[in-house]
Amino acid sequence: MSSHFTKKILIGLSFLLITWGIVGLALSESGFGNLDSVSPSLPITQNNNQVALDLGFTLATVSSGTINFTLDAISQSAIGTINYWVHWTTQSVDIGLFALIIGTIAVERTRDRKALKLRDRIVDEVVANPGIHLRELHRNIGCAMGALQYHINNLENAGEVVSIRYGNVRHIFPSDFSFEDRVLLLTALSRNPTVGSILSECVKNGQTTQAEISKVLDVDKSLISYYTSSLLKADILRSIKVFGREKPVILTDWARSAIISMDILVQ
């Protein structure tokens, strides 16, 4: 039996028992079913040493007759008496409240387990993809964006992940990935496929030009120029002065060292 089904049974049972108890309390307070008070006014006949009450109800689906309830049967079961209702009212309310408490605890524990499971999935995804941006993480995890942001904020406050913003994009890292902001930025930028390809060409060829990169990658030169400008501004690339030609670009020393030693480029 699944935990979800068990929770439903516990909660349903608790409300049933509490309702039963409340009904019993109301009936007992009103004096309904006090056998002593109603018995004198009912016609009583003797049959085989049993006292029967002729209630006079005729069954439409059965041949004519009367339904007889014996006082002995009612007295033995005590159903309908104040003592019966008072006793079982207390028992029903107690059991109902107990079932409700157990059901509530089960619901909360299930929610906690789900939250921990989602947090673990987020951490695992960030560890596997340092610098992953929020929307990509959202696609990979498949949970609600609000829940994802809530857990990321809690994880960051707990020191399990760190994040940086570049423009309007938030990138998430394991807390021990790097303590240098420029390395975090390099890693975040390199997750863009075009930027990663530009950096790969620079690693492979040393210095190169935007025209050469555009030709090799079969990407419009204006787009290469846009991303190259961002890399130059971030001190990831630097340009080399040459006379009468397009200025080649080359990785800065720290960027090349970080890319090679940390295996930053996404394959």
Protein backbone atom coordinates (compact mmCIF):
# COMPACT_ATOMS: atom_id res chain seq x y z
CA MET A 1 0.00 0.00 0.00
CA SER A 2 1.43 3.37 -1.00
CA SER A 3 2.12 6.05 1.60
CA HIS A 4 -0.18 8.44 -0.28
CA PHE A 5 -3.09 5.97 -0.03
CA THR A 6 -2.32 5.29 3.65
CA LYS A 7 -2.43 9.01 4.42
CA LYS A 8 -5.84 9.31 2.80
CA ILE A 9 -7.18 6.39 4.85
CA LEU A 10 -5.84 7.83 8.13
CA ILE A 11 -7.21 11.31 7.50
CA GLY A 12 -10.58 9.97 6.30
CA LEU A 13 -10.86 7.66 9.31
CA SER A 14 -10.01 10.45 11.73
CA PHE A 15 -12.71 12.76 10.38
CA LEU A 16 -15.23 9.89 10.39
CA LEU A 17 -14.51 9.07 14.02
CA ILE A 18 -14.56 12.71 15.13
CA THR A 19 -17.88 13.25 13.32
CA TRP A 20 -19.29 10.09 14.92
CA GLY A 21 -18.19 11.34 18.32
CA ILE A 22 -19.72 14.79 17.82
CA VAL A 23 -23.04 13.27 16.68
CA GLY A 24 -23.02 10.98 19.69
CA LEU A 25 -22.34 13.87 22.01
CA ALA A 26 -25.20 15.87 20.56
CA LEU A 27 -27.61 12.95 20.87
CA SER A 28 -26.53 12.16 24.41
CA GLU A 29 -26.92 15.81 25.49
CA SER A 30 -30.42 15.94 24.01
CA GLY A 31 -31.42 12.75 25.82
CA PHE A 32 -32.19 10.94 22.58
CA GLY A 33 -32.43 7.23 23.02
CA ASN A 34 -32.86 7.22 26.79
CA LEU A 35 -34.46 3.85 27.01
CA ASP A 36 -35.96 4.47 30.42
CA SER A 37 -37.77 7.62 29.31
CA VAL A 38 -39.34 6.22 26.15
CA SER A 39 -40.19 2.70 27.20
CA PRO A 40 -43.30 3.49 29.29
CA SER A 41 -45.07 5.10 26.37
CA LEU A 42 -44.57 2.20 23.95
CA PRO A 43 -46.90 -0.77 23.67
CA ILE A 44 -45.25 -3.81 25.20
CA THR A 45 -46.13 -7.42 24.53
CA GLN A 46 -44.70 -10.58 25.98
CA ASN A 47 -43.43 -13.29 23.62
CA ASN A 48 -41.31 -16.23 24.88
CA ASN A 49 -40.23 -14.24 27.96
CA GLN A 50 -39.01 -11.39 25.75
CA VAL A 51 -40.44 -7.90 25.82
CA ALA A 52 -40.93 -6.61 22.27
CA LEU A 53 -41.69 -3.17 20.99
CA ASP A 54 -44.08 -3.10 18.08
CA LEU A 55 -42.75 -0.15 16.09
CA GLY A 56 -45.42 -0.48 13.47
CA PHE A 57 -43.18 0.01 10.45
CA THR A 58 -44.54 -1.74 7.37
CA LEU A 59 -42.07 -2.92 4.74
CA ALA A 60 -43.32 -2.07 1.26
CA THR A 61 -41.10 -4.66 -0.43
CA VAL A 62 -42.00 -7.50 1.89
CA SER A 63 -45.33 -9.02 2.76
CA SER A 64 -47.11 -7.04 5.42
CA GLY A 65 -45.79 -7.40 8.89
CA THR A 66 -44.17 -5.45 11.65
CA ILE A 67 -40.59 -5.02 12.72
CA ASN A 68 -40.12 -5.97 16.31
CA PHE A 69 -37.09 -5.01 18.30
CA THR A 70 -36.71 -6.74 21.65
CA LEU A 71 -35.84 -4.82 24.74
CA ASP A 72 -33.43 -7.60 25.62
CA ALA A 73 -31.42 -7.03 22.44
CA ILE A 74 -31.35 -3.28 22.92
CA SER A 75 -30.49 -3.60 26.60
CA GLN A 76 -27.66 -6.02 25.92
CA SER A 77 -26.08 -3.81 23.24
CA ALA A 78 -26.99 -0.61 25.08
CA ILE A 79 -27.34 1.13 21.69
CA GLY A 80 -29.40 4.27 22.00
CA THR A 81 -28.74 4.84 25.67
CA ILE A 82 -27.00 7.88 27.07
CA ASN A 83 -24.33 5.71 28.64
CA TYR A 84 -23.60 4.16 25.24
CA TRP A 85 -23.23 7.54 23.51
CA VAL A 86 -21.18 9.10 26.32
CA HIS A 87 -18.77 6.15 26.35
CA TRP A 88 -18.29 5.88 22.61
CA THR A 89 -18.26 9.66 22.08
CA THR A 90 -15.11 9.91 24.19
CA GLN A 91 -13.54 6.90 22.50
CA SER A 92 -14.38 8.13 18.99
CA VAL A 93 -13.02 11.63 19.56
CA ASP A 94 -9.82 10.27 21.12
CA ILE A 95 -9.25 7.78 18.30
CA GLY A 96 -10.18 10.36 15.67
CA LEU A 97 -7.78 12.95 17.04
CA PHE A 98 -5.03 10.35 17.26
CA ALA A 99 -5.60 9.28 13.64
CA LEU A 100 -5.65 12.93 12.56
CA ILE A 101 -2.33 13.59 14.29
CA ILE A 102 -0.75 10.50 12.72
CA GLY A 103 -2.07 11.48 9.30
CA THR A 104 -0.78 15.05 9.65
CA ILE A 105 2.66 13.82 10.71
CA ALA A 106 2.71 11.44 7.75
CA VAL A 107 1.86 14.27 5.35
CA GLU A 108 4.57 16.54 6.78
CA ARG A 109 7.19 13.79 6.70
CA THR A 110 6.35 13.04 3.07
CA ARG A 111 6.69 16.72 2.19
CA ASP A 112 10.03 16.87 3.98
CA ARG A 113 11.28 13.80 2.10
CA LYS A 114 10.21 15.30 -1.21
CA ALA A 115 11.93 18.60 -0.36
CA LEU A 116 15.15 16.81 0.59
CA LYS A 117 15.00 14.71 -2.56
CA LEU A 118 14.57 17.84 -4.72
CA ARG A 119 17.43 19.61 -2.92
CA ASP A 120 19.68 16.60 -3.52
CA ARG A 121 18.76 16.59 -7.21
CA ILE A 122 19.57 20.30 -7.50
CA VAL A 123 22.96 19.85 -5.82
CA ASP A 124 23.80 16.84 -7.99
CA GLU A 125 22.89 18.76 -11.15
CA VAL A 126 24.98 21.78 -10.13
CA VAL A 127 27.99 19.59 -9.26
CA ALA A 128 27.73 17.87 -12.65
CA ASN A 129 27.31 21.18 -14.50
CA PRO A 130 29.18 24.01 -12.74
CA GLY A 131 27.98 27.40 -13.95
CA ILE A 132 24.64 26.07 -15.15
CA HIS A 133 22.17 28.90 -15.56
CA LEU A 134 18.84 28.95 -13.76
CA ARG A 135 16.62 28.23 -16.76
CA GLU A 136 18.77 25.32 -17.90
CA LEU A 137 18.66 23.92 -14.37
CA HIS A 138 14.89 24.38 -14.40
CA ARG A 139 14.60 22.38 -17.62
CA ASN A 140 16.83 19.60 -16.31
CA ILE A 141 15.14 19.28 -12.92
CA GLY A 142 11.58 19.69 -14.19
CA CYS A 143 10.13 21.24 -11.03
CA ALA A 144 8.26 24.52 -10.59
CA MET A 145 10.47 27.59 -11.00
CA GLY A 146 9.31 29.02 -7.66
CA ALA A 147 10.28 25.83 -5.82
CA LEU A 148 13.63 25.77 -7.61
CA GLN A 149 14.47 29.36 -6.67
CA TYR A 150 13.36 28.71 -3.08
CA HIS A 151 15.67 25.72 -2.70
CA ILE A 152 18.60 27.44 -4.45
CA ASN A 153 18.30 30.41 -2.09
CA ASN A 154 18.26 28.05 0.90
CA LEU A 155 21.22 26.08 -0.45
CA GLU A 156 23.15 29.30 -1.03
CA ASN A 157 22.37 30.53 2.49
CA ALA A 158 23.57 27.17 3.81
CA GLY A 159 26.83 27.51 1.86
CA GLU A 160 26.23 24.50 -0.38
CA VAL A 161 26.10 26.45 -3.66
CA VAL A 162 27.09 29.91 -4.89
CA SER A 163 25.67 31.96 -7.72
CA ILE A 164 26.70 34.90 -9.88
CA ARG A 165 24.77 37.09 -12.28
CA TYR A 166 25.92 38.04 -15.73
CA GLY A 167 23.41 40.42 -17.24
CA ASN A 168 19.99 39.00 -16.42
CA VAL A 169 21.23 35.41 -16.15
CA ARG A 170 21.95 33.68 -12.86
CA HIS A 171 24.59 30.94 -12.88
CA ILE A 172 24.90 28.35 -10.11
CA PHE A 173 28.11 26.67 -8.89
CA PRO A 174 29.15 24.21 -6.20
CA SER A 175 30.43 26.20 -3.24
CA ASP A 176 33.96 24.75 -3.55
CA PHE A 177 34.30 25.21 -7.31
CA SER A 178 36.42 28.37 -7.17
CA PHE A 179 36.93 31.38 -4.96
CA GLU A 180 37.82 33.66 -7.90
CA ASP A 181 34.97 35.61 -9.45
CA ARG A 182 36.73 35.75 -12.80
CA VAL A 183 36.97 31.95 -12.93
CA LEU A 184 33.27 31.70 -12.13
CA LEU A 185 32.51 34.18 -14.90
CA LEU A 186 34.74 32.33 -17.39
CA THR A 187 32.97 29.07 -16.56
CA ALA A 188 29.53 30.64 -16.84
CA LEU A 189 30.28 32.25 -20.21
CA SER A 190 31.84 29.10 -21.61
CA ARG A 191 28.55 27.24 -21.19
CA ASN A 192 27.23 29.20 -24.15
CA PRO A 193 27.92 26.93 -27.16
CA THR A 194 29.24 29.73 -29.37
CA VAL A 195 31.46 31.18 -26.66
CA GLY A 196 32.73 27.73 -25.80
CA SER A 197 33.62 27.15 -29.47
CA ILE A 198 35.47 30.48 -29.65
CA LEU A 199 37.50 29.60 -26.56
CA SER A 200 38.22 26.13 -27.92
CA GLU A 201 39.61 27.66 -31.12
CA CYS A 202 41.81 29.99 -29.08
CA VAL A 203 43.09 27.08 -26.96
CA LYS A 204 43.85 25.05 -30.08
CA ASN A 205 45.36 27.75 -32.30
CA GLY A 206 46.86 30.23 -29.86
CA GLN A 207 46.14 33.53 -31.52
CA THR A 208 43.42 33.71 -34.16
CA THR A 209 41.17 36.26 -35.82
CA GLN A 210 37.44 36.70 -35.68
CA ALA A 211 37.25 36.05 -39.44
CA GLU A 212 39.04 32.74 -39.04
CA ILE A 213 36.80 31.73 -36.14
CA SER A 214 33.71 32.68 -38.14
CA LYS A 215 34.87 30.57 -41.07
CA VAL A 216 35.77 27.50 -39.00
CA LEU A 217 32.60 27.57 -36.92
CA ASP A 218 30.35 28.60 -39.84
CA VAL A 219 28.86 31.33 -37.67
CA ASP A 220 28.04 34.86 -38.80
CA LYS A 221 30.97 37.19 -38.12
CA SER A 222 28.75 39.76 -36.40
CA LEU A 223 27.82 37.19 -33.77
CA ILE A 224 31.47 36.19 -33.32
CA SER A 225 32.33 39.87 -32.93
CA TYR A 226 29.61 40.32 -30.30
CA TYR A 227 30.86 37.45 -28.13
CA THR A 228 34.51 38.30 -28.66
CA SER A 229 33.87 41.84 -27.39
CA SER A 230 32.36 40.40 -24.21
CA LEU A 231 35.37 38.13 -23.71
CA LEU A 232 37.78 41.01 -24.23
CA LYS A 233 35.86 43.13 -21.74
CA ALA A 234 36.00 40.31 -19.15
CA ASP A 235 39.79 40.01 -19.62
CA ILE A 236 39.40 36.47 -20.91
CA LEU A 237 40.75 37.38 -24.33
CA ARG A 238 43.19 40.10 -25.32
CA SER A 239 43.93 41.49 -28.73
CA ILE A 240 47.38 41.57 -30.37
CA LYS A 241 48.46 44.69 -32.19
CA VAL A 242 49.52 44.08 -35.76
CA PHE A 243 50.03 46.50 -38.64
CA GLY A 244 47.59 46.59 -41.54
CA ARG A 245 45.58 43.53 -40.55
CA GLU A 246 42.65 42.53 -38.37
CA LYS A 247 43.86 42.28 -34.81
CA PRO A 248 44.14 38.64 -33.69
CA VAL A 249 42.88 37.62 -30.26
CA ILE A 250 44.49 35.31 -27.75
CA LEU A 251 43.57 33.91 -24.37
CA THR A 252 44.97 35.74 -21.35
CA ASP A 253 47.38 33.68 -19.28
CA TRP A 254 45.05 33.18 -16.34
CA ALA A 255 42.15 32.17 -18.60
CA ARG A 256 44.23 29.59 -20.49
CA SER A 257 45.55 28.18 -17.21
CA ALA A 258 42.04 27.94 -15.72
CA ILE A 259 40.53 26.34 -18.83
CA ILE A 260 43.24 23.67 -19.02
CA SER A 261 43.65 22.91 -15.30
CA MET A 262 39.94 22.90 -14.44
CA ASP A 263 38.69 21.40 -17.69
CA ILE A 264 36.19 24.22 -17.92
CA LEU A 265 35.07 23.93 -21.51
CA VAL A 266 31.85 21.95 -21.96
CA GLN A 267 32.36 19.22 -24.50
